Amino acid sequence: MPPTITEAEFEALLARAGIPLTPAQRAGILPALGGLAAMQALIRTPPPAAEAEPATIFACAVLGEAGR
């Protein structure tokens, strides 16, 4: 995903937070910001209701004894 902020906005955020990054680090982080924003959106949404989750059934039986 493309970043949702401009490079100038990214520089301002780093300066305001006091995070010293090299130009190489900035160049590596900026393209990933769009993906991080998408992950944040997923975290902030409410989870699905319990009824929406698939049921899981596990039965442990020894072969040949399943009919007892």
C-alpha atoms as a PDB file:
ATOM      1  CA  MET A   1       0.000   0.000   0.000  1.00  0.00           C
ATOM      2  CA  PRO A   2       1.277   3.484  -0.700  1.00  0.00           C
ATOM      3  CA  PRO A   3       1.940   5.684   2.325  1.00  0.00           C
ATOM      4  CA  THR A   4      -0.969   7.815   3.482  1.00  0.00           C
ATOM      5  CA  ILE A   5       1.252  10.781   4.401  1.00  0.00           C
ATOM      6  CA  THR A   6       3.764  12.786   2.425  1.00  0.00           C
ATOM      7  CA  GLU A   7       7.494  12.701   3.019  1.00  0.00           C
ATOM      8  CA  ALA A   8       7.327  16.211   4.507  1.00  0.00           C
ATOM      9  CA  GLU A   9       4.643  15.101   6.980  1.00  0.00           C
ATOM     10  CA  PHE A  10       6.755  12.072   7.887  1.00  0.00           C
ATOM     11  CA  GLU A  11       9.778  14.315   8.526  1.00  0.00           C
ATOM     12  CA  ALA A  12       7.629  16.572  10.728  1.00  0.00           C
ATOM     13  CA  LEU A  13       6.378  13.605  12.766  1.00  0.00           C
ATOM     14  CA  LEU A  14       9.932  12.378  13.302  1.00  0.00           C
ATOM     15  CA  ALA A  15      11.113  15.844  14.319  1.00  0.00           C
ATOM     16  CA  ARG A  16       8.205  16.342  16.737  1.00  0.00           C
ATOM     17  CA  ALA A  17       8.856  12.936  18.342  1.00  0.00           C
ATOM     18  CA  GLY A  18      12.599  13.553  18.443  1.00  0.00           C
ATOM     19  CA  ILE A  19      13.435  10.360  16.580  1.00  0.00           C
ATOM     20  CA  PRO A  20      16.811  10.607  14.862  1.00  0.00           C
ATOM     21  CA  LEU A  21      16.890   8.468  11.724  1.00  0.00           C
ATOM     22  CA  THR A  22      19.424   8.264   8.954  1.00  0.00           C
ATOM     23  CA  PRO A  23      18.277   8.999   5.400  1.00  0.00           C
ATOM     24  CA  ALA A  24      18.512   5.268   4.622  1.00  0.00           C
ATOM     25  CA  GLN A  25      16.254   4.421   7.566  1.00  0.00           C
ATOM     26  CA  ARG A  26      13.739   7.074   6.525  1.00  0.00           C
ATOM     27  CA  ALA A  27      13.739   5.754   2.968  1.00  0.00           C
ATOM     28  CA  GLY A  28      13.036   2.242   4.260  1.00  0.00           C
ATOM     29  CA  ILE A  29      10.269   3.200   6.669  1.00  0.00           C
ATOM     30  CA  LEU A  30       8.276   5.607   4.505  1.00  0.00           C
ATOM     31  CA  PRO A  31       7.019   2.994   1.987  1.00  0.00           C
ATOM     32  CA  ALA A  32       5.832   0.742   4.840  1.00  0.00           C
ATOM     33  CA  LEU A  33       3.659   3.411   6.465  1.00  0.00           C
ATOM     34  CA  GLY A  34       0.653   2.578   4.277  1.00  0.00           C
ATOM     35  CA  GLY A  35       0.702  -1.033   5.431  1.00  0.00           C
ATOM     36  CA  LEU A  36       1.072   0.027   9.052  1.00  0.00           C
ATOM     37  CA  ALA A  37      -1.938   2.322   8.733  1.00  0.00           C
ATOM     38  CA  ALA A  38      -3.988  -0.567   7.313  1.00  0.00           C
ATOM     39  CA  MET A  39      -2.963  -2.787  10.251  1.00  0.00           C
ATOM     40  CA  GLN A  40      -3.928  -0.055  12.715  1.00  0.00           C
ATOM     41  CA  ALA A  41      -7.381   0.109  11.151  1.00  0.00           C
ATOM     42  CA  LEU A  42      -7.815  -3.650  11.662  1.00  0.00           C
ATOM     43  CA  ILE A  43      -6.773  -3.428  15.303  1.00  0.00           C
ATOM     44  CA  ARG A  44      -9.188  -0.603  16.021  1.00  0.00           C
ATOM     45  CA  THR A  45     -12.256  -2.376  14.620  1.00  0.00           C
ATOM     46  CA  PRO A  46     -14.397  -4.407  17.032  1.00  0.00           C
ATOM     47  CA  PRO A  47     -13.939  -8.176  16.880  1.00  0.00           C
ATOM     48  CA  PRO A  48     -16.646 -10.307  15.286  1.00  0.00           C
ATOM     49  CA  ALA A  49     -19.344 -11.717  17.520  1.00  0.00           C
ATOM     50  CA  ALA A  50     -18.830 -15.203  18.908  1.00  0.00           C
ATOM     51  CA  GLU A  51     -21.661 -16.445  16.702  1.00  0.00           C
ATOM     52  CA  ALA A  52     -19.705 -15.411  13.596  1.00  0.00           C
ATOM     53  CA  GLU A  53     -16.732 -17.616  14.468  1.00  0.00           C
ATOM     54  CA  PRO A  54     -16.675 -21.123  13.010  1.00  0.00           C
ATOM     55  CA  ALA A  55     -17.200 -23.973  15.446  1.00  0.00           C
ATOM     56  CA  THR A  56     -14.284 -26.274  16.111  1.00  0.00           C
ATOM     57  CA  ILE A  57     -14.882 -29.865  17.159  1.00  0.00           C
ATOM     58  CA  PHE A  58     -12.126 -32.213  18.173  1.00  0.00           C
ATOM     59  CA  ALA A  59     -12.796 -35.846  18.960  1.00  0.00           C
ATOM     60  CA  CYS A  60     -10.013 -38.178  19.956  1.00  0.00           C
ATOM     61  CA  ALA A  61     -10.784 -41.842  19.441  1.00  0.00           C
ATOM     62  CA  VAL A  62      -8.548 -44.837  19.022  1.00  0.00           C
ATOM     63  CA  LEU A  63      -9.050 -46.554  15.675  1.00  0.00           C
ATOM     64  CA  GLY A  64     -11.440 -49.468  16.067  1.00  0.00           C
ATOM     65  CA  GLU A  65     -12.967 -48.119  19.269  1.00  0.00           C
ATOM     66  CA  ALA A  66     -14.977 -45.286  17.736  1.00  0.00           C
ATOM     67  CA  GLY A  67     -18.233 -47.258  17.762  1.00  0.00           C
ATOM     68  CA  ARG A  68     -18.239 -48.162  21.470  1.00  0.00           C
END
